[in-house]
């Protein structure tokens, strides 16, 4: 890859508005969990809170269990997404600069989901 090609895919640490516009909004703001999982977890959480008065210890234990399950699902989801991104760029020498640029945009979206603090600063 030439220096010009390398410069074409480098993204500054502080993404510009044009960089943000080139990454689909759904990738930047995608939920950590599929909608069905989020809905089920929300329903469970509501039930756990509602049962607190009758059995506080049980509710806290179930809340702990729910949080642990959700954290594991999120970790698994991010690990899978990372593997998929790696497949895109590690094909060998025949990967085009455009393919690498698109892959880097997806990494940027992934990073924004992991650490959304950068969006608050802008």
PDB file of N, CA and C in Angstrom:
ATOM      1  N   UNK A   1       0.845  -1.166   0.000  1.00  0.00           N
ATOM      2  CA  UNK A   1       0.000   0.000   0.000  1.00  0.00           C
ATOM      3  C   UNK A   1       0.891   1.229   0.000  1.00  0.00           C
ATOM      4  N   UNK A   2       0.574   2.197  -0.824  1.00  0.00           N
ATOM      5  CA  UNK A   2       1.372   3.407  -0.900  1.00  0.00           C
ATOM      6  C   UNK A   2       1.028   4.344   0.251  1.00  0.00           C
ATOM      7  N   UNK A   3       1.894   5.346   0.454  1.00  0.00           N
ATOM      8  CA  UNK A   3       1.644   6.323   1.507  1.00  0.00           C
ATOM      9  C   UNK A   3       0.337   7.053   1.266  1.00  0.00           C
ATOM     10  N   UNK A   4       0.043   7.378   0.018  1.00  0.00           N
ATOM     11  CA  UNK A   4      -1.212   8.059  -0.317  1.00  0.00           C
ATOM     12  C   UNK A   4      -2.406   7.201   0.051  1.00  0.00           C
ATOM     13  N   UNK A   5      -2.316   5.899  -0.237  1.00  0.00           N
ATOM     14  CA  UNK A   5      -3.414   4.998   0.107  1.00  0.00           C
ATOM     15  C   UNK A   5      -3.566   4.907   1.622  1.00  0.00           C
ATOM     16  N   UNK A   6      -2.438   4.855   2.339  1.00  0.00           N
ATOM     17  CA  UNK A   6      -2.510   4.786   3.792  1.00  0.00           C
ATOM     18  C   UNK A   6      -3.139   6.041   4.365  1.00  0.00           C
ATOM     19  N   UNK A   7      -2.763   7.212   3.820  1.00  0.00           N
ATOM     20  CA  UNK A   7      -3.327   8.464   4.307  1.00  0.00           C
ATOM     21  C   UNK A   7      -4.829   8.525   4.044  1.00  0.00           C
ATOM     22  N   UNK A   8      -5.294   7.876   2.983  1.00  0.00           N
ATOM     23  CA  UNK A   8      -6.708   7.918   2.629  1.00  0.00           C
ATOM     24  C   UNK A   8      -7.578   7.217   3.660  1.00  0.00           C
ATOM     25  N   UNK A   9      -7.003   6.259   4.411  1.00  0.00           N
ATOM     26  CA  UNK A   9      -7.830   5.533   5.369  1.00  0.00           C
ATOM     27  C   UNK A   9      -7.581   5.949   6.811  1.00  0.00           C
ATOM     28  N   UNK A  10      -6.656   6.845   7.043  1.00  0.00           N
ATOM     29  CA  UNK A  10      -6.386   7.298   8.403  1.00  0.00           C
ATOM     30  C   UNK A  10      -7.489   8.258   8.819  1.00  0.00           C
ATOM     31  N   UNK A  11      -8.023   8.038   9.992  1.00  0.00           N
ATOM     32  CA  UNK A  11      -9.083   8.888  10.516  1.00  0.00           C
ATOM     33  C   UNK A  11      -8.543   9.601  11.737  1.00  0.00           C
ATOM     34  N   UNK A  12      -8.722  10.909  11.817  1.00  0.00           N
ATOM     35  CA  UNK A  12      -8.218  11.626  12.985  1.00  0.00           C
ATOM     36  C   UNK A  12      -8.908  11.150  14.252  1.00  0.00           C
ATOM     37  N   UNK A  13      -8.207  11.301  15.385  1.00  0.00           N
ATOM     38  CA  UNK A  13      -8.772  10.869  16.663  1.00  0.00           C
ATOM     39  C   UNK A  13     -10.099  11.570  16.934  1.00  0.00           C
ATOM     40  N   UNK A  14     -10.205  12.822  16.582  1.00  0.00           N
ATOM     41  CA  UNK A  14     -11.449  13.573  16.734  1.00  0.00           C
ATOM     42  C   UNK A  14     -12.126  13.582  15.371  1.00  0.00           C
ATOM     43  N   UNK A  15     -13.147  12.781  15.192  1.00  0.00           N
ATOM     44  CA  UNK A  15     -13.821  12.653  13.904  1.00  0.00           C
ATOM     45  C   UNK A  15     -14.541  13.945  13.555  1.00  0.00           C
ATOM     46  N   UNK A  16     -14.424  14.348  12.292  1.00  0.00           N
ATOM     47  CA  UNK A  16     -15.114  15.543  11.833  1.00  0.00           C
ATOM     48  C   UNK A  16     -16.566  15.218  11.519  1.00  0.00           C
ATOM     49  N   UNK A  17     -17.357  16.263  11.246  1.00  0.00           N
ATOM     50  CA  UNK A  17     -18.754  16.049  10.876  1.00  0.00           C
ATOM     51  C   UNK A  17     -18.853  15.201   9.616  1.00  0.00           C
ATOM     52  N   UNK A  18     -17.940  15.421   8.677  1.00  0.00           N
ATOM     53  CA  UNK A  18     -17.963  14.634   7.435  1.00  0.00           C
ATOM     54  C   UNK A  18     -17.700  13.165   7.726  1.00  0.00           C
ATOM     55  N   UNK A  19     -16.783  12.880   8.657  1.00  0.00           N
ATOM     56  CA  UNK A  19     -16.506  11.494   9.029  1.00  0.00           C
ATOM     57  C   UNK A  19     -17.726  10.861   9.667  1.00  0.00           C
ATOM     58  N   UNK A  20     -18.392  11.603  10.561  1.00  0.00           N
ATOM     59  CA  UNK A  20     -19.587  11.068  11.208  1.00  0.00           C
ATOM     60  C   UNK A  20     -20.690  10.818  10.186  1.00  0.00           C
ATOM     61  N   UNK A  21     -20.800  11.727   9.196  1.00  0.00           N
ATOM     62  CA  UNK A  21     -21.831  11.571   8.176  1.00  0.00           C
ATOM     63  C   UNK A  21     -21.594  10.346   7.309  1.00  0.00           C
ATOM     64  N   UNK A  22     -20.337   9.902   7.188  1.00  0.00           N
ATOM     65  CA  UNK A  22     -20.042   8.761   6.324  1.00  0.00           C
ATOM     66  C   UNK A  22     -20.299   7.430   6.999  1.00  0.00           C
ATOM     67  N   UNK A  23     -20.558   7.438   8.297  1.00  0.00           N
ATOM     68  CA  UNK A  23     -20.868   6.213   9.034  1.00  0.00           C
ATOM     69  C   UNK A  23     -22.366   6.179   9.277  1.00  0.00           C
ATOM     70  N   UNK A  24     -23.032   5.110   8.837  1.00  0.00           N
ATOM     71  CA  UNK A  24     -24.478   5.047   9.002  1.00  0.00           C
ATOM     72  C   UNK A  24     -24.903   5.258  10.449  1.00  0.00           C
ATOM     73  N   UNK A  25     -25.950   6.066  10.634  1.00  0.00           N
ATOM     74  CA  UNK A  25     -26.451   6.386  11.969  1.00  0.00           C
ATOM     75  C   UNK A  25     -26.805   5.141  12.748  1.00  0.00           C
ATOM     76  N   UNK A  26     -27.385   4.140  12.075  1.00  0.00           N
ATOM     77  CA  UNK A  26     -27.769   2.939  12.801  1.00  0.00           C
ATOM     78  C   UNK A  26     -26.562   2.208  13.373  1.00  0.00           C
ATOM     79  N   UNK A  27     -25.385   2.349  12.741  1.00  0.00           N
ATOM     80  CA  UNK A  27     -24.186   1.729  13.295  1.00  0.00           C
ATOM     81  C   UNK A  27     -23.687   2.504  14.506  1.00  0.00           C
ATOM     82  N   UNK A  28     -23.801   3.834  14.465  1.00  0.00           N
ATOM     83  CA  UNK A  28     -23.331   4.655  15.574  1.00  0.00           C
ATOM     84  C   UNK A  28     -24.219   4.532  16.805  1.00  0.00           C
ATOM     85  N   UNK A  29     -25.506   4.308  16.604  1.00  0.00           N
ATOM     86  CA  UNK A  29     -26.451   4.313  17.710  1.00  0.00           C
ATOM     87  C   UNK A  29     -27.126   2.965  17.906  1.00  0.00           C
ATOM     88  N   UNK A  30     -26.507   1.914  17.422  1.00  0.00           N
ATOM     89  CA  UNK A  30     -27.090   0.586  17.558  1.00  0.00           C
ATOM     90  C   UNK A  30     -27.116   0.184  19.028  1.00  0.00           C
ATOM     91  N   UNK A  31     -28.156  -0.533  19.401  1.00  0.00           N
ATOM     92  CA  UNK A  31     -28.288  -1.002  20.772  1.00  0.00           C
ATOM     93  C   UNK A  31     -27.239  -2.069  21.046  1.00  0.00           C
ATOM     94  N   UNK A  32     -26.897  -2.205  22.306  1.00  0.00           N
ATOM     95  CA  UNK A  32     -25.967  -3.250  22.694  1.00  0.00           C
ATOM     96  C   UNK A  32     -26.584  -4.633  22.572  1.00  0.00           C
ATOM     97  N   UNK A  33     -27.908  -4.706  22.594  1.00  0.00           N
ATOM     98  CA  UNK A  33     -28.614  -5.988  22.535  1.00  0.00           C
ATOM     99  C   UNK A  33     -29.681  -5.939  21.453  1.00  0.00           C
ATOM    100  N   UNK A  34     -30.015  -7.103  20.895  1.00  0.00           N
ATOM    101  CA  UNK A  34     -31.140  -7.142  19.956  1.00  0.00           C
ATOM    102  C   UNK A  34     -32.412  -6.663  20.656  1.00  0.00           C
ATOM    103  N   UNK A  35     -33.346  -6.125  19.880  1.00  0.00           N
ATOM    104  CA  UNK A  35     -34.570  -5.551  20.445  1.00  0.00           C
ATOM    105  C   UNK A  35     -35.331  -6.541  21.323  1.00  0.00           C
ATOM    106  N   UNK A  36     -35.444  -7.786  20.872  1.00  0.00           N
ATOM    107  CA  UNK A  36     -36.186  -8.787  21.648  1.00  0.00           C
ATOM    108  C   UNK A  36     -35.531  -9.013  23.014  1.00  0.00           C
ATOM    109  N   UNK A  37     -34.194  -9.105  23.035  1.00  0.00           N
ATOM    110  CA  UNK A  37     -33.489  -9.287  24.305  1.00  0.00           C
ATOM    111  C   UNK A  37     -33.690  -8.080  25.227  1.00  0.00           C
ATOM    112  N   UNK A  38     -33.636  -6.876  24.643  1.00  0.00           N
ATOM    113  CA  UNK A  38     -33.841  -5.663  25.435  1.00  0.00           C
ATOM    114  C   UNK A  38     -35.240  -5.630  26.038  1.00  0.00           C
ATOM    115  N   UNK A  39     -36.222  -5.997  25.233  1.00  0.00           N
ATOM    116  CA  UNK A  39     -37.608  -6.013  25.706  1.00  0.00           C
ATOM    117  C   UNK A  39     -37.781  -7.014  26.837  1.00  0.00           C
ATOM    118  N   UNK A  40     -37.255  -8.219  26.652  1.00  0.00           N
ATOM    119  CA  UNK A  40     -37.365  -9.246  27.687  1.00  0.00           C
ATOM    120  C   UNK A  40     -36.657  -8.827  28.972  1.00  0.00           C
ATOM    121  N   UNK A  41     -35.471  -8.236  28.822  1.00  0.00           N
ATOM    122  CA  UNK A  41     -34.722  -7.794  29.997  1.00  0.00           C
ATOM    123  C   UNK A  41     -35.474  -6.678  30.723  1.00  0.00           C
ATOM    124  N   UNK A  42     -36.057  -5.771  29.975  1.00  0.00           N
ATOM    125  CA  UNK A  42     -36.824  -4.684  30.566  1.00  0.00           C
ATOM    126  C   UNK A  42     -38.039  -5.218  31.329  1.00  0.00           C
ATOM    127  N   UNK A  43     -38.719  -6.191  30.741  1.00  0.00           N
ATOM    128  CA  UNK A  43     -39.870  -6.802  31.418  1.00  0.00           C
ATOM    129  C   UNK A  43     -39.441  -7.512  32.696  1.00  0.00           C
ATOM    130  N   UNK A  44     -38.303  -8.226  32.633  1.00  0.00           N
ATOM    131  CA  UNK A  44     -37.776  -8.895  33.829  1.00  0.00           C
ATOM    132  C   UNK A  44     -37.428  -7.881  34.900  1.00  0.00           C
ATOM    133  N   UNK A  45     -36.796  -6.787  34.490  1.00  0.00           N
ATOM    134  CA  UNK A  45     -36.382  -5.752  35.428  1.00  0.00           C
ATOM    135  C   UNK A  45     -37.605  -5.143  36.121  1.00  0.00           C
ATOM    136  N   UNK A  46     -38.659  -4.885  35.359  1.00  0.00           N
ATOM    137  CA  UNK A  46     -39.886  -4.339  35.946  1.00  0.00           C
ATOM    138  C   UNK A  46     -40.466  -5.312  36.977  1.00  0.00           C
ATOM    139  N   UNK A  47     -40.482  -6.602  36.646  1.00  0.00           N
ATOM    140  CA  UNK A  47     -41.000  -7.619  37.562  1.00  0.00           C
ATOM    141  C   UNK A  47     -40.155  -7.678  38.828  1.00  0.00           C
ATOM    142  N   UNK A  48     -38.830  -7.650  38.671  1.00  0.00           N
ATOM    143  CA  UNK A  48     -37.912  -7.704  39.822  1.00  0.00           C
ATOM    144  C   UNK A  48     -38.174  -6.527  40.763  1.00  0.00           C
ATOM    145  N   UNK A  49     -38.317  -5.343  40.192  1.00  0.00           N
ATOM    146  CA  UNK A  49     -38.573  -4.167  41.022  1.00  0.00           C
ATOM    147  C   UNK A  49     -39.923  -4.260  41.729  1.00  0.00           C
ATOM    148  N   UNK A  50     -40.914  -4.780  41.022  1.00  0.00           N
ATOM    149  CA  UNK A  50     -42.248  -4.911  41.590  1.00  0.00           C
ATOM    150  C   UNK A  50     -42.314  -5.900  42.735  1.00  0.00           C
ATOM    151  N   UNK A  51     -41.424  -6.879  42.743  1.00  0.00           N
ATOM    152  CA  UNK A  51     -41.426  -7.911  43.785  1.00  0.00           C
ATOM    153  C   UNK A  51     -40.563  -7.548  44.999  1.00  0.00           C
ATOM    154  N   UNK A  52     -39.900  -6.399  44.924  1.00  0.00           N
ATOM    155  CA  UNK A  52     -38.973  -6.014  45.989  1.00  0.00           C
ATOM    156  C   UNK A  52     -39.656  -5.924  47.357  1.00  0.00           C
ATOM    157  N   UNK A  53     -40.839  -5.337  47.409  1.00  0.00           N
ATOM    158  CA  UNK A  53     -41.528  -5.137  48.691  1.00  0.00           C
ATOM    159  C   UNK A  53     -41.793  -6.477  49.380  1.00  0.00           C
ATOM    160  N   UNK A  54     -42.188  -7.481  48.591  1.00  0.00           N
ATOM    161  CA  UNK A  54     -42.512  -8.791  49.169  1.00  0.00           C
ATOM    162  C   UNK A  54     -41.272  -9.593  49.555  1.00  0.00           C
ATOM    163  N   UNK A  55     -40.180  -9.458  48.766  1.00  0.00           N
ATOM    164  CA  UNK A  55     -38.984 -10.256  49.038  1.00  0.00           C
ATOM    165  C   UNK A  55     -37.738  -9.500  48.545  1.00  0.00           C
ATOM    166  N   UNK A  56     -37.262  -8.533  49.344  1.00  0.00           N
ATOM    167  CA  UNK A  56     -36.129  -7.703  48.917  1.00  0.00           C
ATOM    168  C   UNK A  56     -34.873  -8.503  48.567  1.00  0.00           C
ATOM    169  N   UNK A  57     -34.517  -9.487  49.374  1.00  0.00           N
ATOM    170  CA  UNK A  57     -33.295 -10.263  49.127  1.00  0.00           C
ATOM    171  C   UNK A  57     -33.390 -10.995  47.785  1.00  0.00           C
ATOM    172  N   UNK A  58     -34.541 -11.599  47.520  1.00  0.00           N
ATOM    173  CA  UNK A  58     -34.728 -12.317  46.263  1.00  0.00           C
ATOM    174  C   UNK A  58     -34.642 -11.346  45.079  1.00  0.00           C
ATOM    175  N   UNK A  59     -35.231 -10.165  45.221  1.00  0.00           N
ATOM    176  CA  UNK A  59     -35.196  -9.180  44.143  1.00  0.00           C
ATOM    177  C   UNK A  59     -33.772  -8.732  43.834  1.00  0.00           C
ATOM    178  N   UNK A  60     -33.006  -8.483  44.879  1.00  0.00           N
ATOM    179  CA  UNK A  60     -31.614  -8.060  44.667  1.00  0.00           C
ATOM    180  C   UNK A  60     -30.815  -9.185  44.012  1.00  0.00           C
ATOM    181  N   UNK A  61     -31.045 -10.419  44.441  1.00  0.00           N
ATOM    182  CA  UNK A  61     -30.363 -11.556  43.818  1.00  0.00           C
ATOM    183  C   UNK A  61     -30.727 -11.700  42.346  1.00  0.00           C
ATOM    184  N   UNK A  62     -32.007 -11.527  42.023  1.00  0.00           N
ATOM    185  CA  UNK A  62     -32.441 -11.625  40.628  1.00  0.00           C
ATOM    186  C   UNK A  62     -31.897 -10.459  39.796  1.00  0.00           C
ATOM    187  N   UNK A  63     -31.808  -9.273  40.409  1.00  0.00           N
ATOM    188  CA  UNK A  63     -31.232  -8.123  39.706  1.00  0.00           C
ATOM    189  C   UNK A  63     -29.758  -8.391  39.391  1.00  0.00           C
ATOM    190  N   UNK A  64     -29.057  -8.942  40.364  1.00  0.00           N
ATOM    191  CA  UNK A  64     -27.641  -9.285  40.175  1.00  0.00           C
ATOM    192  C   UNK A  64     -27.488 -10.291  39.027  1.00  0.00           C
ATOM    193  N   UNK A  65     -28.334 -11.296  39.025  1.00  0.00           N
ATOM    194  CA  UNK A  65     -28.304 -12.320  37.978  1.00  0.00           C
ATOM    195  C   UNK A  65     -28.621 -11.717  36.601  1.00  0.00           C
ATOM    196  N   UNK A  66     -29.626 -10.853  36.534  1.00  0.00           N
ATOM    197  CA  UNK A  66     -30.004 -10.220  35.268  1.00  0.00           C
ATOM    198  C   UNK A  66     -28.862  -9.369  34.718  1.00  0.00           C
ATOM    199  N   UNK A  67     -28.248  -8.572  35.570  1.00  0.00           N
ATOM    200  CA  UNK A  67     -27.133  -7.727  35.130  1.00  0.00           C
ATOM    201  C   UNK A  67     -25.981  -8.597  34.617  1.00  0.00           C
ATOM    202  N   UNK A  68     -25.679  -9.675  35.318  1.00  0.00           N
ATOM    203  CA  UNK A  68     -24.616 -10.581  34.871  1.00  0.00           C
ATOM    204  C   UNK A  68     -24.919 -11.186  33.503  1.00  0.00           C
ATOM    205  N   UNK A  69     -26.162 -11.618  33.298  1.00  0.00           N
ATOM    206  CA  UNK A  69     -26.554 -12.190  32.009  1.00  0.00           C
ATOM    207  C   UNK A  69     -26.446 -11.158  30.890  1.00  0.00           C
ATOM    208  N   UNK A  70     -26.919  -9.936  31.150  1.00  0.00           N
ATOM    209  CA  UNK A  70     -26.864  -8.888  30.136  1.00  0.00           C
ATOM    210  C   UNK A  70     -25.424  -8.516  29.800  1.00  0.00           C
ATOM    211  N   UNK A  71     -24.585  -8.432  30.822  1.00  0.00           N
ATOM    212  CA  UNK A  71     -23.177  -8.120  30.575  1.00  0.00           C
ATOM    213  C   UNK A  71     -22.531  -9.187  29.698  1.00  0.00           C
ATOM    214  N   UNK A  72     -22.824 -10.454  29.964  1.00  0.00           N
ATOM    215  CA  UNK A  72     -22.244 -11.535  29.171  1.00  0.00           C
ATOM    216  C   UNK A  72     -22.734 -11.481  27.732  1.00  0.00           C
ATOM    217  N   UNK A  73     -24.010 -11.185  27.536  1.00  0.00           N
ATOM    218  CA  UNK A  73     -24.544 -11.064  26.168  1.00  0.00           C
ATOM    219  C   UNK A  73     -23.867  -9.927  25.414  1.00  0.00           C
ATOM    220  N   UNK A  74     -23.650  -8.816  26.112  1.00  0.00           N
ATOM    221  CA  UNK A  74     -22.997  -7.671  25.475  1.00  0.00           C
ATOM    222  C   UNK A  74     -21.553  -8.020  25.119  1.00  0.00           C
ATOM    223  N   UNK A  75     -20.837  -8.663  26.024  1.00  0.00           N
ATOM    224  CA  UNK A  75     -19.454  -9.076  25.752  1.00  0.00           C
ATOM    225  C   UNK A  75     -19.420 -10.020  24.548  1.00  0.00           C
ATOM    226  N   UNK A  76     -20.309 -10.996  24.525  1.00  0.00           N
ATOM    227  CA  UNK A  76     -20.365 -11.937  23.405  1.00  0.00           C
ATOM    228  C   UNK A  76     -20.667 -11.223  22.091  1.00  0.00           C
ATOM    229  N   UNK A  77     -21.588 -10.270  22.147  1.00  0.00           N
ATOM    230  CA  UNK A  77     -21.955  -9.515  20.950  1.00  0.00           C
ATOM    231  C   UNK A  77     -20.772  -8.715  20.410  1.00  0.00           C
ATOM    232  N   UNK A  78     -20.059  -8.015  21.306  1.00  0.00           N
ATOM    233  CA  UNK A  78     -18.896  -7.243  20.877  1.00  0.00           C
ATOM    234  C   UNK A  78     -17.778  -8.147  20.365  1.00  0.00           C
ATOM    235  N   UNK A  79     -17.569  -9.282  20.989  1.00  0.00           N
ATOM    236  CA  UNK A  79     -16.534 -10.213  20.530  1.00  0.00           C
ATOM    237  C   UNK A  79     -16.865 -10.718  19.125  1.00  0.00           C
ATOM    238  N   UNK A  80     -18.119 -11.024  18.882  1.00  0.00           N
ATOM    239  CA  UNK A  80     -18.540 -11.479  17.558  1.00  0.00           C
ATOM    240  C   UNK A  80     -18.359 -10.368  16.529  1.00  0.00           C
ATOM    241  N   UNK A  81     -18.758  -9.151  16.884  1.00  0.00           N
ATOM    242  CA  UNK A  81     -18.613  -8.027  15.957  1.00  0.00           C
ATOM    243  C   UNK A  81     -17.140  -7.782  15.642  1.00  0.00           C
ATOM    244  N   UNK A  82     -16.290  -7.893  16.632  1.00  0.00           N
ATOM    245  CA  UNK A  82     -14.845  -7.713  16.416  1.00  0.00           C
ATOM    246  C   UNK A  82     -14.295  -8.775  15.469  1.00  0.00           C
ATOM    247  N   UNK A  83     -14.732 -10.041  15.647  1.00  0.00           N
ATOM    248  CA  UNK A  83     -14.289 -11.120  14.750  1.00  0.00           C
ATOM    249  C   UNK A  83     -14.721 -10.838  13.312  1.00  0.00           C
ATOM    250  N   UNK A  84     -15.950 -10.371  13.146  1.00  0.00           N
ATOM    251  CA  UNK A  84     -16.450 -10.067  11.810  1.00  0.00           C
ATOM    252  C   UNK A  84     -15.655  -8.936  11.163  1.00  0.00           C
ATOM    253  N   UNK A  85     -15.314  -7.915  11.950  1.00  0.00           N
ATOM    254  CA  UNK A  85     -14.502  -6.822  11.418  1.00  0.00           C
ATOM    255  C   UNK A  85     -13.120  -7.321  11.012  1.00  0.00           C
ATOM    256  N   UNK A  86     -12.537  -8.185  11.821  1.00  0.00           N
ATOM    257  CA  UNK A  86     -11.212  -8.713  11.501  1.00  0.00           C
ATOM    258  C   UNK A  86     -11.239  -9.496  10.195  1.00  0.00           C
ATOM    259  N   UNK A  87     -12.304 -10.245   9.966  1.00  0.00           N
ATOM    260  CA  UNK A  87     -12.431 -11.006   8.714  1.00  0.00           C
ATOM    261  C   UNK A  87     -12.384 -10.086   7.503  1.00  0.00           C
ATOM    262  N   UNK A  88     -12.919  -8.872   7.639  1.00  0.00           N
ATOM    263  CA  UNK A  88     -12.972  -7.943   6.514  1.00  0.00           C
ATOM    264  C   UNK A  88     -11.592  -7.477   6.069  1.00  0.00           C
ATOM    265  N   UNK A  89     -10.694  -7.237   7.002  1.00  0.00           N
ATOM    266  CA  UNK A  89      -9.411  -6.670   6.605  1.00  0.00           C
ATOM    267  C   UNK A  89      -8.278  -7.679   6.556  1.00  0.00           C
ATOM    268  N   UNK A  90      -8.468  -8.862   7.095  1.00  0.00           N
ATOM    269  CA  UNK A  90      -7.353  -9.813   7.161  1.00  0.00           C
ATOM    270  C   UNK A  90      -7.378 -10.835   6.034  1.00  0.00           C
ATOM    271  N   UNK A  91      -7.984 -10.481   4.917  1.00  0.00           N
ATOM    272  CA  UNK A  91      -8.092 -11.401   3.779  1.00  0.00           C
ATOM    273  C   UNK A  91      -6.758 -11.646   3.083  1.00  0.00           C
ATOM    274  N   UNK A  92      -5.773 -10.832   3.360  1.00  0.00           N
ATOM    275  CA  UNK A  92      -4.491 -10.978   2.684  1.00  0.00           C
ATOM    276  C   UNK A  92      -4.186  -9.740   1.876  1.00  0.00           C
ATOM    277  N   UNK A  93      -3.317  -9.890   0.881  1.00  0.00           N
ATOM    278  CA  UNK A  93      -2.847  -8.768   0.085  1.00  0.00           C
ATOM    279  C   UNK A  93      -3.841  -8.215  -0.910  1.00  0.00           C
ATOM    280  N   UNK A  94      -4.930  -8.902  -1.183  1.00  0.00           N
ATOM    281  CA  UNK A  94      -5.846  -8.461  -2.230  1.00  0.00           C
ATOM    282  C   UNK A  94      -7.015  -7.619  -1.717  1.00  0.00           C
ATOM    283  N   UNK A  95      -6.839  -6.961  -0.577  1.00  0.00           N
ATOM    284  CA  UNK A  95      -7.892  -6.111  -0.027  1.00  0.00           C
ATOM    285  C   UNK A  95      -7.702  -4.704  -0.589  1.00  0.00           C
ATOM    286  N   UNK A  96      -8.761  -4.149  -1.160  1.00  0.00           N
ATOM    287  CA  UNK A  96      -8.660  -2.814  -1.752  1.00  0.00           C
ATOM    288  C   UNK A  96      -8.646  -1.740  -0.670  1.00  0.00           C
ATOM    289  N   UNK A  97      -8.137  -0.581  -1.030  1.00  0.00           N
ATOM    290  CA  UNK A  97      -8.130   0.555  -0.110  1.00  0.00           C
ATOM    291  C   UNK A  97      -9.558   0.928   0.268  1.00  0.00           C
ATOM    292  N   UNK A  98     -10.474   0.844  -0.677  1.00  0.00           N
ATOM    293  CA  UNK A  98     -11.875   1.148  -0.388  1.00  0.00           C
ATOM    294  C   UNK A  98     -12.434   0.176   0.657  1.00  0.00           C
ATOM    295  N   UNK A  99     -12.123  -1.103   0.523  1.00  0.00           N
ATOM    296  CA  UNK A  99     -12.571  -2.086   1.509  1.00  0.00           C
ATOM    297  C   UNK A  99     -11.994  -1.763   2.887  1.00  0.00           C
ATOM    298  N   UNK A 100     -10.738  -1.349   2.922  1.00  0.00           N
ATOM    299  CA  UNK A 100     -10.102  -0.991   4.188  1.00  0.00           C
ATOM    300  C   UNK A 100     -10.719   0.274   4.770  1.00  0.00           C
ATOM    301  N   UNK A 101     -11.060   1.234   3.917  1.00  0.00           N
ATOM    302  CA  UNK A 101     -11.697   2.471   4.376  1.00  0.00           C
ATOM    303  C   UNK A 101     -13.052   2.162   5.009  1.00  0.00           C
ATOM    304  N   UNK A 102     -13.833   1.332   4.355  1.00  0.00           N
ATOM    305  CA  UNK A 102     -15.144   0.945   4.882  1.00  0.00           C
ATOM    306  C   UNK A 102     -14.984   0.190   6.198  1.00  0.00           C
ATOM    307  N   UNK A 103     -13.996  -0.683   6.242  1.00  0.00           N
ATOM    308  CA  UNK A 103     -13.741  -1.433   7.477  1.00  0.00           C
ATOM    309  C   UNK A 103     -13.375  -0.484   8.613  1.00  0.00           C
ATOM    310  N   UNK A 104     -12.535   0.508   8.333  1.00  0.00           N
ATOM    311  CA  UNK A 104     -12.153   1.465   9.370  1.00  0.00           C
ATOM    312  C   UNK A 104     -13.367   2.274   9.837  1.00  0.00           C
ATOM    313  N   UNK A 105     -14.276   2.590   8.930  1.00  0.00           N
ATOM    314  CA  UNK A 105     -15.508   3.278   9.332  1.00  0.00           C
ATOM    315  C   UNK A 105     -16.316   2.400  10.284  1.00  0.00           C
ATOM    316  N   UNK A 106     -16.347   1.110  10.016  1.00  0.00           N
ATOM    317  CA  UNK A 106     -17.081   0.201  10.896  1.00  0.00           C
ATOM    318  C   UNK A 106     -16.389   0.089  12.254  1.00  0.00           C
ATOM    319  N   UNK A 107     -15.059   0.082  12.252  1.00  0.00           N
ATOM    320  CA  UNK A 107     -14.341   0.098  13.524  1.00  0.00           C
ATOM    321  C   UNK A 107     -14.674   1.379  14.296  1.00  0.00           C
ATOM    322  N   UNK A 108     -14.750   2.501  13.598  1.00  0.00           N
ATOM    323  CA  UNK A 108     -15.084   3.764  14.247  1.00  0.00           C
ATOM    324  C   UNK A 108     -16.471   3.677  14.888  1.00  0.00           C
ATOM    325  N   UNK A 109     -17.441   3.131  14.170  1.00  0.00           N
ATOM    326  CA  UNK A 109     -18.787   2.971  14.722  1.00  0.00           C
ATOM    327  C   UNK A 109     -18.759   2.045  15.938  1.00  0.00           C
ATOM    328  N   UNK A 110     -18.003   0.973  15.817  1.00  0.00           N
ATOM    329  CA  UNK A 110     -17.856   0.013  16.919  1.00  0.00           C
ATOM    330  C   UNK A 110     -17.251   0.711  18.133  1.00  0.00           C
ATOM    331  N   UNK A 111     -16.195   1.484  17.910  1.00  0.00           N
ATOM    332  CA  UNK A 111     -15.522   2.201  18.989  1.00  0.00           C
ATOM    333  C   UNK A 111     -16.472   3.210  19.631  1.00  0.00           C
ATOM    334  N   UNK A 112     -17.274   3.873  18.820  1.00  0.00           N
ATOM    335  CA  UNK A 112     -18.237   4.845  19.347  1.00  0.00           C
ATOM    336  C   UNK A 112     -19.272   4.179  20.239  1.00  0.00           C
ATOM    337  N   UNK A 113     -19.625   2.942  19.926  1.00  0.00           N
ATOM    338  CA  UNK A 113     -20.563   2.211  20.779  1.00  0.00           C
ATOM    339  C   UNK A 113     -19.887   1.788  22.081  1.00  0.00           C
ATOM    340  N   UNK A 114     -18.609   1.412  21.999  1.00  0.00           N
ATOM    341  CA  UNK A 114     -17.887   1.006  23.196  1.00  0.00           C
ATOM    342  C   UNK A 114     -17.664   2.178  24.135  1.00  0.00           C
ATOM    343  N   UNK A 115     -17.252   3.309  23.572  1.00  0.00           N
ATOM    344  CA  UNK A 115     -16.904   4.488  24.364  1.00  0.00           C
ATOM    345  C   UNK A 115     -17.639   5.708  23.816  1.00  0.00           C
ATOM    346  N   UNK A 116     -18.903   5.845  24.095  1.00  0.00           N
ATOM    347  CA  UNK A 116     -19.685   6.932  23.512  1.00  0.00           C
ATOM    348  C   UNK A 116     -19.383   8.304  24.100  1.00  0.00           C
ATOM    349  N   UNK A 117     -18.385   8.417  24.945  1.00  0.00           N
ATOM    350  CA  UNK A 117     -18.053   9.702  25.572  1.00  0.00           C
ATOM    351  C   UNK A 117     -17.661  10.760  24.564  1.00  0.00           C
ATOM    352  N   UNK A 118     -17.026  10.375  23.466  1.00  0.00           N
ATOM    353  CA  UNK A 118     -16.581  11.324  22.457  1.00  0.00           C
ATOM    354  C   UNK A 118     -17.730  12.120  21.871  1.00  0.00           C
ATOM    355  N   UNK A 119     -18.907  11.513  21.785  1.00  0.00           N
ATOM    356  CA  UNK A 119     -20.061  12.216  21.232  1.00  0.00           C
ATOM    357  C   UNK A 119     -20.552  13.304  22.182  1.00  0.00           C
ATOM    358  N   UNK A 120     -20.361  13.122  23.479  1.00  0.00           N
ATOM    359  CA  UNK A 120     -20.813  14.109  24.454  1.00  0.00           C
ATOM    360  C   UNK A 120     -19.978  15.395  24.382  1.00  0.00           C
ATOM    361  N   UNK A 121     -18.709  15.233  24.012  1.00  0.00           N
ATOM    362  CA  UNK A 121     -17.809  16.382  23.964  1.00  0.00           C
ATOM    363  C   UNK A 121     -18.115  17.307  22.797  1.00  0.00           C
ATOM    364  N   UNK A 122     -18.752  16.782  21.752  1.00  0.00           N
ATOM    365  CA  UNK A 122     -19.003  17.616  20.573  1.00  0.00           C
ATOM    366  C   UNK A 122     -20.291  18.380  20.671  1.00  0.00           C
TER     367      UNK A 122
END
